[in-house]
Every structure is written in C-alpha cells, then in structure tokens.
Amino acid sequence: MLETGLTHTSELTVDETRTAVSMGSGDMPVLATPAMLALMENAAMLAVANHLPEGFTTVGGHISSSHLKPSKVGDKVTATATVTKIDGKKIEFRLSAHSGEVLLGEGTHLRFIVERERFMSKLA
C-alpha cells in the first residue's frame, strides 16, 4: 500500500564514470552532482516500486537539491528518499545523500505514477 513514510536507501561507490570530469558537469575528479541526483532519484523510485499496481511505475517530475561537500573516487555514498506526501498520482519525497556521517546534499523530489504502456506509447 502506498503511504507516507515509505523509505529506501540506495548506495554507490564513486568511480571514474561518476566523476564530474567524466560526466561533463565539472573539471575535477569528484562525485558529479548529476550522479548524486540520479542516486537520489533511484532511492525514491525504489521506495515506492513494490507498492504500485502491476503495470505502473513512477517517473521523475522535479528535483531540487543542494550539493554541499565533495566525494572522492572510492568513497561510498548513500542516498535516502522518504515519501512525505501523496496527492493522487503525485508523490513527494524528502531526499538526503551521505558519505559516512557527512551530509553531501539534501532536497525534495516529485514523482508521478504512470502506466508503463500508456507512457511509452507517447513516444510513437
């Protein structure tokens, strides 16, 4: 059952493919902001994935986050998403990313519940 309070934590280890240099978002070998945001989105998606009807998923609509501290190659990063509000097909999340005890970033995220086949048919 979809409800507020659902949470999930996703993790990654920073490697060369997730650095700002590699992703083109900066020129230093640290965790790229887009990689941190993707990890946050992954946590939000997975927080609700098992609570949706068959044939449905969620898609991202908006994300807002700080990125406060750098993470070097080899660092383990976790992102946690918690459902804070459900309004019809809209789901709002509180997000945070950490490396150990260090807060890397925090923000909010909006996802929409969609029927997979109907959503994909819009590409035709």
C-alpha atoms as a PDB file:
ATOM      1  CA  MET A   1       0.000   0.000   0.000  1.00  0.00           C
ATOM      2  CA  LEU A   2       1.342   3.389  -0.989  1.00  0.00           C
ATOM      3  CA  GLU A   3       1.680   5.632   2.086  1.00  0.00           C
ATOM      4  CA  THR A   4       3.755   8.419   3.580  1.00  0.00           C
ATOM      5  CA  GLY A   5       6.823   7.281   5.453  1.00  0.00           C
ATOM      6  CA  LEU A   6       7.916   4.705   2.883  1.00  0.00           C
ATOM      7  CA  THR A   7      11.694   4.941   2.550  1.00  0.00           C
ATOM      8  CA  HIS A   8      14.593   3.427   0.679  1.00  0.00           C
ATOM      9  CA  THR A   9      18.360   3.898   0.730  1.00  0.00           C
ATOM     10  CA  SER A  10      20.445   3.343  -2.404  1.00  0.00           C
ATOM     11  CA  GLU A  11      24.223   3.310  -2.474  1.00  0.00           C
ATOM     12  CA  LEU A  12      27.156   3.565  -4.824  1.00  0.00           C
ATOM     13  CA  THR A  13      30.910   3.702  -4.695  1.00  0.00           C
ATOM     14  CA  VAL A  14      32.325   6.696  -6.517  1.00  0.00           C
ATOM     15  CA  ASP A  15      34.264   5.519  -9.555  1.00  0.00           C
ATOM     16  CA  GLU A  16      35.740   7.315 -12.554  1.00  0.00           C
ATOM     17  CA  THR A  17      32.475   7.043 -14.535  1.00  0.00           C
ATOM     18  CA  ARG A  18      30.604   9.042 -11.883  1.00  0.00           C
ATOM     19  CA  THR A  19      33.027  11.943 -11.592  1.00  0.00           C
ATOM     20  CA  ALA A  20      32.323  15.483 -12.742  1.00  0.00           C
ATOM     21  CA  VAL A  21      35.122  15.156 -15.301  1.00  0.00           C
ATOM     22  CA  SER A  22      33.653  12.010 -16.821  1.00  0.00           C
ATOM     23  CA  MET A  23      30.050  13.237 -16.814  1.00  0.00           C
ATOM     24  CA  GLY A  24      30.957  16.658 -18.187  1.00  0.00           C
ATOM     25  CA  SER A  25      29.461  18.615 -15.293  1.00  0.00           C
ATOM     26  CA  GLY A  26      32.786  19.888 -13.986  1.00  0.00           C
ATOM     27  CA  ASP A  27      36.538  19.521 -14.304  1.00  0.00           C
ATOM     28  CA  MET A  28      37.515  17.770 -11.073  1.00  0.00           C
ATOM     29  CA  PRO A  29      37.637  14.046 -10.241  1.00  0.00           C
ATOM     30  CA  VAL A  30      34.894  14.164  -7.570  1.00  0.00           C
ATOM     31  CA  LEU A  31      31.338  12.806  -7.460  1.00  0.00           C
ATOM     32  CA  ALA A  32      29.343  14.630 -10.115  1.00  0.00           C
ATOM     33  CA  THR A  33      26.174  16.370  -8.993  1.00  0.00           C
ATOM     34  CA  PRO A  34      24.165  14.557 -11.722  1.00  0.00           C
ATOM     35  CA  ALA A  35      25.400  11.223 -10.317  1.00  0.00           C
ATOM     36  CA  MET A  36      24.320  12.191  -6.796  1.00  0.00           C
ATOM     37  CA  LEU A  37      20.915  13.310  -8.091  1.00  0.00           C
ATOM     38  CA  ALA A  38      20.493  10.054 -10.031  1.00  0.00           C
ATOM     39  CA  LEU A  39      21.217   8.090  -6.855  1.00  0.00           C
ATOM     40  CA  MET A  40      18.598  10.150  -5.004  1.00  0.00           C
ATOM     41  CA  GLU A  41      16.059   9.503  -7.778  1.00  0.00           C
ATOM     42  CA  ASN A  42      16.860   5.796  -7.659  1.00  0.00           C
ATOM     43  CA  ALA A  43      16.132   5.725  -3.928  1.00  0.00           C
ATOM     44  CA  ALA A  44      12.798   7.491  -4.487  1.00  0.00           C
ATOM     45  CA  MET A  45      11.792   5.156  -7.313  1.00  0.00           C
ATOM     46  CA  LEU A  46      12.625   2.082  -5.228  1.00  0.00           C
ATOM     47  CA  ALA A  47      10.878   3.433  -2.105  1.00  0.00           C
ATOM     48  CA  VAL A  48       7.512   3.017  -3.831  1.00  0.00           C
ATOM     49  CA  ALA A  49       8.171   0.462  -6.602  1.00  0.00           C
ATOM     50  CA  ASN A  50       6.795  -2.553  -4.721  1.00  0.00           C
ATOM     51  CA  HIS A  51       3.690  -0.621  -3.620  1.00  0.00           C
ATOM     52  CA  LEU A  52       2.301   0.183  -7.076  1.00  0.00           C
ATOM     53  CA  PRO A  53      -0.242  -1.818  -9.070  1.00  0.00           C
ATOM     54  CA  GLU A  54       1.094  -4.179 -11.723  1.00  0.00           C
ATOM     55  CA  GLY A  55       1.946  -2.309 -14.928  1.00  0.00           C
ATOM     56  CA  PHE A  56       2.611   1.002 -13.158  1.00  0.00           C
ATOM     57  CA  THR A  57       5.827   2.806 -12.302  1.00  0.00           C
ATOM     58  CA  THR A  58       6.923   6.323 -11.381  1.00  0.00           C
ATOM     59  CA  VAL A  59       8.747   8.968 -13.393  1.00  0.00           C
ATOM     60  CA  GLY A  60      10.609  11.977 -12.113  1.00  0.00           C
ATOM     61  CA  GLY A  61       8.960  15.381 -12.472  1.00  0.00           C
ATOM     62  CA  HIS A  62      11.126  17.719 -10.418  1.00  0.00           C
ATOM     63  CA  ILE A  63      14.150  17.533  -8.159  1.00  0.00           C
ATOM     64  CA  SER A  64      15.749  20.226  -6.036  1.00  0.00           C
ATOM     65  CA  SER A  65      18.871  19.528  -4.025  1.00  0.00           C
ATOM     66  CA  SER A  66      21.956  21.074  -2.554  1.00  0.00           C
ATOM     67  CA  HIS A  67      25.389  19.519  -3.114  1.00  0.00           C
ATOM     68  CA  LEU A  68      27.405  20.617  -0.103  1.00  0.00           C
ATOM     69  CA  LYS A  69      30.566  18.507   0.044  1.00  0.00           C
ATOM     70  CA  PRO A  70      32.797  16.684  -2.470  1.00  0.00           C
ATOM     71  CA  SER A  71      33.338  12.924  -2.528  1.00  0.00           C
ATOM     72  CA  LYS A  72      36.466  11.326  -3.970  1.00  0.00           C
ATOM     73  CA  VAL A  73      36.834   8.215  -6.089  1.00  0.00           C
ATOM     74  CA  GLY A  74      36.473   5.206  -3.778  1.00  0.00           C
ATOM     75  CA  ASP A  75      34.047   6.873  -1.344  1.00  0.00           C
ATOM     76  CA  LYS A  76      30.792   5.067  -0.555  1.00  0.00           C
ATOM     77  CA  VAL A  77      27.736   7.314  -0.980  1.00  0.00           C
ATOM     78  CA  THR A  78      24.201   6.577   0.201  1.00  0.00           C
ATOM     79  CA  ALA A  79      21.015   8.385  -0.746  1.00  0.00           C
ATOM     80  CA  THR A  80      17.783   8.070   1.198  1.00  0.00           C
ATOM     81  CA  ALA A  81      14.333   9.019  -0.039  1.00  0.00           C
ATOM     82  CA  THR A  82      11.242   9.189   2.171  1.00  0.00           C
ATOM     83  CA  VAL A  83       7.686   9.703   0.963  1.00  0.00           C
ATOM     84  CA  THR A  84       6.307  12.888   2.544  1.00  0.00           C
ATOM     85  CA  LYS A  85       3.076  13.438   0.600  1.00  0.00           C
ATOM     86  CA  ILE A  86       0.806  11.581  -1.812  1.00  0.00           C
ATOM     87  CA  ASP A  87      -1.719  13.527  -3.881  1.00  0.00           C
ATOM     88  CA  GLY A  88      -3.397  11.349  -6.490  1.00  0.00           C
ATOM     89  CA  LYS A  89      -0.681  10.447  -8.996  1.00  0.00           C
ATOM     90  CA  LYS A  90       1.870  12.822  -7.406  1.00  0.00           C
ATOM     91  CA  ILE A  91       4.336  11.585  -4.807  1.00  0.00           C
ATOM     92  CA  GLU A  92       6.656  13.957  -2.925  1.00  0.00           C
ATOM     93  CA  PHE A  93       9.895  12.838  -1.278  1.00  0.00           C
ATOM     94  CA  ARG A  94      12.483  14.207   1.155  1.00  0.00           C
ATOM     95  CA  LEU A  95      15.994  13.326  -0.021  1.00  0.00           C
ATOM     96  CA  SER A  96      19.432  13.194   1.552  1.00  0.00           C
ATOM     97  CA  ALA A  97      22.826  11.919   0.454  1.00  0.00           C
ATOM     98  CA  HIS A  98      25.673  10.999   2.786  1.00  0.00           C
ATOM     99  CA  SER A  99      29.215   9.731   2.705  1.00  0.00           C
ATOM    100  CA  GLY A 100      29.530   8.079   6.087  1.00  0.00           C
ATOM    101  CA  GLU A 101      28.226  10.645   8.561  1.00  0.00           C
ATOM    102  CA  VAL A 102      28.920  13.589   6.225  1.00  0.00           C
ATOM    103  CA  LEU A 103      25.838  15.169   4.646  1.00  0.00           C
ATOM    104  CA  LEU A 104      26.571  15.625   0.935  1.00  0.00           C
ATOM    105  CA  GLY A 105      23.245  17.066  -0.124  1.00  0.00           C
ATOM    106  CA  GLU A 106      19.548  17.242   0.657  1.00  0.00           C
ATOM    107  CA  GLY A 107      16.401  18.264  -1.088  1.00  0.00           C
ATOM    108  CA  THR A 108      12.990  17.320  -2.402  1.00  0.00           C
ATOM    109  CA  HIS A 109      11.724  15.286  -5.318  1.00  0.00           C
ATOM    110  CA  LEU A 110       8.403  14.908  -7.124  1.00  0.00           C
ATOM    111  CA  ARG A 111       7.476  11.737  -8.982  1.00  0.00           C
ATOM    112  CA  PHE A 112       4.352  10.843 -10.927  1.00  0.00           C
ATOM    113  CA  ILE A 113       2.650   7.455 -11.071  1.00  0.00           C
ATOM    114  CA  VAL A 114       2.219   6.357 -14.693  1.00  0.00           C
ATOM    115  CA  GLU A 115       1.006   3.312 -16.537  1.00  0.00           C
ATOM    116  CA  ARG A 116       4.080   1.921 -18.330  1.00  0.00           C
ATOM    117  CA  GLU A 117       2.450   1.032 -21.664  1.00  0.00           C
ATOM    118  CA  ARG A 118       0.485   4.270 -21.929  1.00  0.00           C
ATOM    119  CA  PHE A 119       3.573   6.331 -21.060  1.00  0.00           C
ATOM    120  CA  MET A 120       5.745   4.554 -23.600  1.00  0.00           C
ATOM    121  CA  SER A 121       3.077   4.865 -26.316  1.00  0.00           C
ATOM    122  CA  LYS A 122       3.599   8.634 -26.223  1.00  0.00           C
ATOM    123  CA  LEU A 123       6.989   8.100 -27.874  1.00  0.00           C
ATOM    124  CA  ALA A 124       5.454   6.779 -31.101  1.00  0.00           C
END
